[in-house]
Amino acid sequence: MAGFFYACFFCVVTLWWFQGEEKVFFSNRLKA
């Protein structure tokens, strides 16, 4: 059960991180 909770937590953190990094990544790509 602990492994399942950790997997869910990791999934949420990854999605939250990509949500913020996406804007930076695409803005850098447009400038290049």
C-alpha atoms as a PDB file:
ATOM      1  CA  MET A   1       0.000   0.000   0.000  1.00  0.00           C
ATOM      2  CA  ALA A   2       2.872   2.366   0.784  1.00  0.00           C
ATOM      3  CA  GLY A   3       4.322   1.783  -2.675  1.00  0.00           C
ATOM      4  CA  PHE A   4       0.997   2.679  -4.291  1.00  0.00           C
ATOM      5  CA  PHE A   5       0.780   5.910  -2.279  1.00  0.00           C
ATOM      6  CA  TYR A   6       4.366   6.801  -3.226  1.00  0.00           C
ATOM      7  CA  ALA A   7       3.623   6.161  -6.913  1.00  0.00           C
ATOM      8  CA  CYS A   8       0.590   8.484  -6.783  1.00  0.00           C
ATOM      9  CA  PHE A   9       2.597  11.155  -4.982  1.00  0.00           C
ATOM     10  CA  PHE A  10       5.421  10.909  -7.544  1.00  0.00           C
ATOM     11  CA  CYS A  11       2.872  11.165 -10.376  1.00  0.00           C
ATOM     12  CA  VAL A  12       1.322  14.341  -8.936  1.00  0.00           C
ATOM     13  CA  VAL A  13       4.711  15.964  -8.328  1.00  0.00           C
ATOM     14  CA  THR A  14       5.862  15.128 -11.868  1.00  0.00           C
ATOM     15  CA  LEU A  15       2.693  16.576 -13.416  1.00  0.00           C
ATOM     16  CA  TRP A  16       2.990  19.716 -11.252  1.00  0.00           C
ATOM     17  CA  TRP A  17       6.673  20.127 -12.234  1.00  0.00           C
ATOM     18  CA  PHE A  18       5.967  19.720 -15.954  1.00  0.00           C
ATOM     19  CA  GLN A  19       3.118  22.240 -15.709  1.00  0.00           C
ATOM     20  CA  GLY A  20       5.625  24.886 -14.607  1.00  0.00           C
ATOM     21  CA  GLU A  21       8.549  23.768 -16.793  1.00  0.00           C
ATOM     22  CA  GLU A  22       6.452  23.562 -19.962  1.00  0.00           C
ATOM     23  CA  LYS A  23       6.129  27.347 -20.256  1.00  0.00           C
ATOM     24  CA  VAL A  24       9.888  27.843 -19.784  1.00  0.00           C
ATOM     25  CA  PHE A  25      10.751  25.080 -22.252  1.00  0.00           C
ATOM     26  CA  PHE A  26       8.476  26.359 -25.015  1.00  0.00           C
ATOM     27  CA  SER A  27       9.476  29.999 -24.546  1.00  0.00           C
ATOM     28  CA  ASN A  28      13.156  28.983 -24.860  1.00  0.00           C
ATOM     29  CA  ARG A  29      12.354  26.967 -27.998  1.00  0.00           C
ATOM     30  CA  LEU A  30      10.596  29.948 -29.603  1.00  0.00           C
ATOM     31  CA  LYS A  31      13.565  32.235 -28.908  1.00  0.00           C
ATOM     32  CA  ALA A  32      16.093  29.753 -30.350  1.00  0.00           C
END
